[in-house]
Each structure stands twice: as structure tokens, then as C-alpha cells.
Amino acid sequence: MKTPRHLGLLAVVWLAFCALMASAAPSGAQTVQPAREPLVGDDAKAESDSELARQLQNPVGDLISLPIQNNVNFGYGPHSGTQNVLQLQPVVPFHITDDWNLITRTVIPVVWNPDSSPAPTVPVGTAPTQFTAFLSPKHPVNGFVWGAGPILQIPTLSSTTLGSSVWGGGPSAVVVWSGGPWVAGALANAVWSLGGTRGVAGNSYETFLVNPFAAYNFDDGWYVTTAPNIIANWQATGTKWTVPLGGGGGRTFRIGSLPVDLAVSAYYNVVRPEFGPRWQLSTALTFVF
């Protein structure tokens, strides 16, 4: 019988298997679409904004972008303080062949922590960076596209109170389906420290994340979305899971000729560790290049 710490790896492997099956499925019969007049002016711009929003909602979309996400965590720590985490998340795709892309995603966090005395804390600093590289087919099959590859945790922390000083790694996979106004899917990864010591004061870690997401797109770049990060910390004492519930909305638009996406969402943690935040307000500003 598998122990809980192996569930993350099993989930990632299963997600990758489902993606391969979706990409191998035979294409359905093609229907003839009625001809329509080409869009011009504001109508063409509105449609392009909506299409860009759908591409940004795809974690393996073929776009160079810079998401800047700010998460405010309320009720965090032993004194129910407020934590702020600012994440720079550059996405850079590489065209390997005519049929394959390598999508790289990096998450660089800057953390502002409330007082956690008697535990030592620092007011602000950098936490470990995570880098993921997804090998993904360029062309969807029946609306499905997938990606799979390694995730690497890099100890870029400025203080040991902000994370582990040990390198880590593991597998990551994503499956995405797009159809009409909908974009939906799930991303999962499992990360293990490459060494370190266990225990309350140790610096080893075993984590699992699954990020189910869905977005419904309206006209002119507007959309509603939900994308909770469900996290398990296998080495934590007590409750190991953080399970958020919520969602939000946003819009893709342009500042001059520069495409920009702005989204706001809120999540309540229906399951959380002892000192985990009660709820989160997330704001994301994405620049597309």
C-alpha cells in the first residue's frame, strides 16, 4: 500500500498518462463552418483580446509573458497576522521543432512576514525559486494539449526563516482543454529536497501541489475564473493540507500596443495547517511580449 508521500508522484504520473491518451485520441469529423464577414476595427480588437485571454489561461500557451502576482494572506502565523507574497513569474517558450515546444515557467517570490514570535522571523526577504520546463506539443488534439517535465527548487532565500536552503526537484505535468469560451485543466507537481535533515528544525521537504483551473470567457477580453492551489506538506506536523475555495475574474486589454491582463480573486482555506492563512486575496498583472 502506498504511503501518503507517494501520492504526489502518482498524481503527476496519472495526469501525464491522461494527457498522452487525450493527444492520441482520433480527431472527430470536421464540420463545415458558415462563412462570415471579416471583423474590422473595434470588433476585431475585442475578439483578439478574448483570444489572448484564452491563451494566457493555458499554462503551456506559446506566449512570452511576465505575470506579477501579489498574494495577501490573512490570518497567517501564531498571531493571525497578514503575510504578503509578491511573485515574479516569467514565462518563456522555446520552439524545439515544428511540432514541439519547451515552455519554461519561473516563480521568484519576495515575502513580507508578520511577527511570529517566539519563532524567529525577518520582515522581508526572498524565498526559494521554482523553475519548471514543460515539453508540450504545439498543436492541440480535440481541444486537448498537455505538458510534462521537471520542476527544480532553487535555494534563493535570503533567510532560513523563509524556506529551505536545500535544492529540490521532481516531476510536473499539466493537461488543458479549450473549447468555445472555456479553458479548463489541471497542473500538478511533486517536489522532494535533495538531502537535508528531517524534523521540526530540519531543512528537508516533501511537497505536492495540484492546481485545477477553469475560466469562462466573455466578449471584449472579460472572464471569470477559479484556480485554487491545493497543497500538501508531507513533513508537516498536524494538518498537512491547504485546500482553498473561491475564484475571481479579470480582463485582457491593451495599453497602447502592449497586451496586458489584470485579474483579481479571493480564496478561503476550508482546510489549513495550524498557522496557515484563513483566506487570500490575489491580484495578478500580466504583460505579454
Protein backbone atom coordinates (compact mmCIF):
# COMPACT_ATOMS: atom_id res chain seq x y z
CA MET A 1 0.00 0.00 0.00
CA LYS A 2 1.40 3.42 -0.99
CA THR A 3 2.22 5.93 1.75
CA PRO A 4 0.83 9.49 1.51
CA ARG A 5 4.17 10.93 0.41
CA HIS A 6 3.95 8.87 -2.79
CA LEU A 7 0.53 10.25 -3.74
CA GLY A 8 2.06 13.36 -5.31
CA LEU A 9 4.18 11.31 -7.72
CA LEU A 10 1.25 9.02 -8.56
CA ALA A 11 -1.00 12.02 -9.30
CA VAL A 12 1.60 13.59 -11.60
CA VAL A 13 2.15 10.29 -13.44
CA TRP A 14 -1.60 9.76 -13.83
CA LEU A 15 -2.07 13.31 -15.13
CA ALA A 16 0.68 12.79 -17.70
CA PHE A 17 -0.88 9.46 -18.76
CA CYS A 18 -4.29 11.08 -19.25
CA ALA A 19 -2.66 13.80 -21.32
CA LEU A 20 -0.99 11.26 -23.58
CA MET A 21 -4.28 9.43 -24.07
CA ALA A 22 -6.04 12.70 -24.95
CA SER A 23 -3.38 13.60 -27.50
CA ALA A 24 -3.54 10.15 -29.07
CA ALA A 25 -7.34 10.17 -29.44
CA PRO A 26 -8.53 10.20 -33.07
CA SER A 27 -9.84 13.50 -34.37
CA GLY A 28 -13.60 13.82 -34.77
CA ALA A 29 -15.33 14.60 -38.03
CA GLN A 30 -14.79 18.12 -39.24
CA THR A 31 -17.89 20.27 -39.62
CA VAL A 32 -18.20 22.98 -42.22
CA GLN A 33 -18.40 26.40 -40.58
CA PRO A 34 -20.59 29.06 -42.19
CA ALA A 35 -18.71 31.88 -43.84
CA ARG A 36 -18.79 35.25 -42.10
CA GLU A 37 -17.65 38.72 -42.83
CA PRO A 38 -14.15 39.52 -41.54
CA LEU A 39 -14.10 41.55 -38.36
CA VAL A 40 -12.69 45.05 -38.51
CA GLY A 41 -11.93 47.88 -36.10
CA ASP A 42 -13.21 47.54 -32.53
CA ASP A 43 -14.85 44.15 -33.22
CA ALA A 44 -11.54 42.63 -34.37
CA LYS A 45 -9.75 44.12 -31.35
CA ALA A 46 -12.35 42.70 -28.94
CA GLU A 47 -12.03 39.23 -30.46
CA SER A 48 -8.22 39.36 -30.36
CA ASP A 49 -8.33 40.38 -26.67
CA SER A 50 -10.63 37.45 -25.88
CA GLU A 51 -8.40 35.02 -27.79
CA LEU A 52 -5.33 36.36 -25.98
CA ALA A 53 -7.09 35.84 -22.65
CA ARG A 54 -7.71 32.18 -23.57
CA GLN A 55 -4.03 31.72 -24.48
CA LEU A 56 -2.89 33.25 -21.18
CA GLN A 57 -5.18 30.88 -19.26
CA ASN A 58 -3.25 27.95 -20.78
CA PRO A 59 -0.13 27.17 -18.66
CA VAL A 60 1.63 25.82 -21.78
CA GLY A 61 0.46 28.59 -24.10
CA ASP A 62 3.02 29.72 -26.67
CA LEU A 63 3.44 33.28 -25.33
CA ILE A 64 6.30 35.23 -23.78
CA SER A 65 4.79 36.89 -20.72
CA LEU A 66 5.63 38.39 -17.34
CA PRO A 67 2.95 37.76 -14.71
CA ILE A 68 3.40 39.76 -11.50
CA GLN A 69 1.18 38.24 -8.81
CA ASN A 70 0.62 39.63 -5.33
CA ASN A 71 -0.95 37.38 -2.70
CA VAL A 72 -2.13 38.82 0.62
CA ASN A 73 -2.62 36.05 3.20
CA PHE A 74 -4.88 37.00 6.13
CA GLY A 75 -4.81 35.23 9.49
CA TYR A 76 -1.29 33.88 8.98
CA GLY A 77 1.03 32.72 11.76
CA PRO A 78 0.60 32.26 15.52
CA HIS A 79 -0.72 35.83 15.96
CA SER A 80 -3.10 35.78 12.96
CA GLY A 81 -1.13 38.44 11.12
CA THR A 82 -1.04 39.42 7.45
CA GLN A 83 1.57 37.99 5.10
CA ASN A 84 2.31 39.41 1.64
CA VAL A 85 3.94 37.37 -1.12
CA LEU A 86 4.93 39.10 -4.37
CA GLN A 87 5.78 36.65 -7.17
CA LEU A 88 7.56 37.42 -10.44
CA GLN A 89 6.64 34.62 -12.85
CA PRO A 90 8.34 35.00 -16.27
CA VAL A 91 7.15 32.53 -18.94
CA VAL A 92 9.46 31.90 -21.91
CA PRO A 93 8.64 29.33 -24.63
CA PHE A 94 11.26 27.73 -26.87
CA HIS A 95 10.36 26.21 -30.25
CA ILE A 96 12.17 22.86 -30.30
CA THR A 97 10.75 21.57 -33.60
CA ASP A 98 7.77 22.28 -35.83
CA ASP A 99 5.67 20.06 -33.55
CA TRP A 100 7.11 20.60 -30.05
CA ASN A 101 7.60 23.49 -27.62
CA LEU A 102 9.51 23.76 -24.38
CA ILE A 103 7.61 26.11 -22.04
CA THR A 104 9.68 27.43 -19.13
CA ARG A 105 7.98 28.95 -16.10
CA THR A 106 9.85 30.54 -13.17
CA VAL A 107 8.39 31.69 -9.84
CA ILE A 108 10.54 34.17 -7.86
CA PRO A 109 8.89 35.10 -4.52
CA VAL A 110 9.51 38.13 -2.29
CA VAL A 111 7.87 37.64 1.13
CA TRP A 112 6.78 40.12 3.82
CA ASN A 113 6.08 38.23 7.07
CA PRO A 114 4.23 39.34 10.21
CA ASP A 115 5.78 38.81 13.63
CA SER A 116 5.84 35.11 14.54
CA SER A 117 7.48 35.34 17.97
CA PRO A 118 8.69 33.40 19.81
CA ALA A 119 9.76 31.85 16.48
CA PRO A 120 12.45 33.90 14.65
CA THR A 121 11.20 35.95 11.69
CA VAL A 122 12.53 38.53 9.23
CA PRO A 123 10.27 41.35 7.98
CA VAL A 124 11.04 40.86 4.27
CA GLY A 125 13.19 38.68 2.05
CA THR A 126 13.33 36.30 -0.90
CA ALA A 127 12.08 32.71 -0.69
CA PRO A 128 13.21 29.72 -2.80
CA THR A 129 12.67 29.97 -6.56
CA GLN A 130 10.86 27.26 -8.55
CA PHE A 131 11.67 26.60 -12.22
CA THR A 132 9.56 24.29 -14.42
CA ALA A 133 10.17 23.19 -18.01
CA PHE A 134 7.18 21.62 -19.84
CA LEU A 135 7.71 19.70 -23.06
CA SER A 136 4.44 20.24 -24.93
CA PRO A 137 3.04 19.58 -28.43
CA LYS A 138 2.37 22.74 -30.44
CA HIS A 139 -0.96 21.58 -31.83
CA PRO A 140 -3.98 20.59 -29.67
CA VAL A 141 -5.89 17.38 -30.46
CA ASN A 142 -9.67 17.56 -29.98
CA GLY A 143 -9.11 20.68 -27.88
CA PHE A 144 -6.58 18.96 -25.58
CA VAL A 145 -2.94 19.87 -25.07
CA TRP A 146 -0.55 18.63 -22.41
CA GLY A 147 2.87 19.30 -20.96
CA ALA A 148 5.29 17.35 -18.79
CA GLY A 149 8.77 17.91 -17.42
CA PRO A 150 10.89 18.57 -14.35
CA ILE A 151 10.44 21.14 -11.61
CA LEU A 152 13.51 22.44 -9.78
CA GLN A 153 13.53 24.27 -6.44
CA ILE A 154 16.48 26.67 -6.11
CA PRO A 155 17.51 27.95 -2.64
CA THR A 156 17.47 31.69 -3.40
CA LEU A 157 16.25 32.50 0.10
CA SER A 158 17.71 35.46 1.97
CA SER A 159 16.95 33.93 5.39
CA THR A 160 16.40 30.38 6.62
CA THR A 161 13.12 31.60 8.15
CA LEU A 162 11.78 31.94 4.57
CA GLY A 163 12.32 28.38 3.37
CA SER A 164 14.81 25.58 2.94
CA SER A 165 18.47 26.06 1.97
CA VAL A 166 18.47 22.70 0.18
CA TRP A 167 17.96 22.19 -3.56
CA GLY A 168 14.97 20.10 -4.62
CA GLY A 169 13.28 18.64 -7.65
CA GLY A 170 10.58 16.37 -9.01
CA PRO A 171 8.09 15.85 -11.84
CA SER A 172 5.39 18.21 -13.10
CA ALA A 173 2.54 17.72 -15.60
CA VAL A 174 -0.42 19.67 -16.96
CA VAL A 175 -3.48 18.88 -19.09
CA VAL A 176 -5.52 21.68 -20.72
CA TRP A 177 -8.78 21.59 -22.67
CA SER A 178 -10.09 24.56 -24.66
CA GLY A 179 -13.49 24.73 -26.30
CA GLY A 180 -15.55 27.79 -27.16
CA PRO A 181 -15.42 30.23 -24.26
CA TRP A 182 -14.00 27.61 -21.85
CA VAL A 183 -10.42 26.86 -20.81
CA ALA A 184 -10.02 24.18 -18.13
CA GLY A 185 -7.48 21.72 -16.86
CA ALA A 186 -5.17 20.78 -14.02
CA LEU A 187 -1.50 21.16 -13.19
CA ALA A 188 0.33 19.01 -10.63
CA ASN A 189 3.84 18.67 -9.27
CA ALA A 190 5.72 16.89 -6.51
CA VAL A 191 8.98 18.25 -5.07
CA TRP A 192 11.49 16.46 -2.84
CA SER A 193 14.57 18.01 -1.22
CA LEU A 194 17.89 16.64 -2.44
CA GLY A 195 19.25 15.97 1.01
CA GLY A 196 18.79 17.95 4.19
CA THR A 197 17.68 16.87 7.65
CA ARG A 198 14.22 15.92 8.87
CA GLY A 199 12.44 17.11 11.99
CA VAL A 200 10.98 20.35 13.35
CA ALA A 201 14.25 22.27 12.87
CA GLY A 202 15.23 20.35 9.71
CA ASN A 203 15.55 21.68 6.16
CA SER A 204 14.32 18.73 4.09
CA TYR A 205 10.88 18.82 2.49
CA GLU A 206 8.33 16.77 0.56
CA THR A 207 5.50 18.75 -1.07
CA PHE A 208 2.70 18.10 -3.52
CA LEU A 209 0.63 20.65 -5.43
CA VAL A 210 -2.41 20.27 -7.67
CA ASN A 211 -3.88 23.34 -9.39
CA PRO A 212 -7.27 22.68 -11.04
CA PHE A 213 -8.35 25.67 -13.12
CA ALA A 214 -11.30 26.77 -15.21
CA ALA A 215 -12.14 30.02 -16.97
CA TYR A 216 -15.21 31.19 -18.87
CA ASN A 217 -14.52 33.97 -21.34
CA PHE A 218 -16.95 36.72 -22.30
CA ASP A 219 -16.64 39.33 -25.05
CA ASP A 220 -14.02 42.07 -25.11
CA GLY A 221 -11.46 40.15 -23.02
CA TRP A 222 -13.57 39.75 -19.84
CA TYR A 223 -13.62 36.41 -17.98
CA VAL A 224 -14.38 34.67 -14.69
CA THR A 225 -12.03 32.05 -13.30
CA THR A 226 -11.12 29.73 -10.46
CA ALA A 227 -7.63 28.29 -9.94
CA PRO A 228 -7.01 27.14 -6.34
CA ASN A 229 -3.59 25.83 -5.33
CA ILE A 230 -4.21 22.68 -3.28
CA ILE A 231 -1.00 21.92 -1.38
CA ALA A 232 0.23 19.06 0.80
CA ASN A 233 3.30 19.32 3.03
CA TRP A 234 4.06 15.70 3.90
CA GLN A 235 6.61 16.55 6.62
CA ALA A 236 4.37 18.98 8.49
CA THR A 237 3.04 18.03 11.89
CA GLY A 238 -0.73 18.04 12.28
CA THR A 239 -2.80 19.02 9.24
CA LYS A 240 -0.72 18.59 6.09
CA TRP A 241 -3.18 20.04 3.54
CA THR A 242 -4.14 23.53 2.42
CA VAL A 243 -7.40 23.44 0.41
CA PRO A 244 -8.71 26.81 -0.89
CA LEU A 245 -12.18 27.52 -2.28
CA GLY A 246 -13.04 30.62 -4.31
CA GLY A 247 -12.43 32.42 -7.59
CA GLY A 248 -12.50 35.77 -9.32
CA GLY A 249 -12.36 37.49 -12.67
CA GLY A 250 -10.34 39.72 -14.92
CA ARG A 251 -9.85 41.29 -18.30
CA THR A 252 -7.26 41.26 -21.08
CA PHE A 253 -6.79 44.65 -22.71
CA ARG A 254 -4.09 46.84 -24.24
CA ILE A 255 -2.04 49.78 -23.07
CA GLY A 256 -1.13 51.30 -26.41
CA SER A 257 0.10 48.28 -28.37
CA LEU A 258 1.13 46.27 -25.26
CA PRO A 259 -1.28 43.47 -24.28
CA VAL A 260 -1.98 43.37 -20.54
CA ASP A 261 -4.09 41.11 -18.34
CA LEU A 262 -5.42 42.10 -14.91
CA ALA A 263 -7.13 39.59 -12.61
CA VAL A 264 -8.38 39.65 -9.01
CA SER A 265 -9.52 36.62 -7.00
CA ALA A 266 -10.17 35.58 -3.40
CA TYR A 267 -9.93 32.16 -1.76
CA TYR A 268 -10.95 30.83 1.65
CA ASN A 269 -8.94 27.92 3.03
CA VAL A 270 -11.53 25.34 4.06
CA VAL A 271 -8.65 23.08 5.20
CA ARG A 272 -5.40 24.57 6.51
CA PRO A 273 -2.45 23.84 8.81
CA GLU A 274 -2.47 25.22 12.35
CA PHE A 275 -0.78 28.52 11.45
CA GLY A 276 -1.80 28.67 7.80
CA PRO A 277 -3.74 31.70 6.47
CA ARG A 278 -7.53 31.72 6.70
CA TRP A 279 -8.02 33.37 3.33
CA GLN A 280 -6.14 35.00 0.46
CA LEU A 281 -6.63 37.98 -1.83
CA SER A 282 -4.71 37.60 -5.09
CA THR A 283 -4.03 40.27 -7.73
CA ALA A 284 -2.18 39.43 -10.94
CA LEU A 285 -0.91 41.80 -13.63
CA THR A 286 0.50 40.12 -16.75
CA PHE A 287 2.45 41.77 -19.56
CA VAL A 288 2.59 39.95 -22.91
CA PHE A 289 5.52 40.44 -25.27
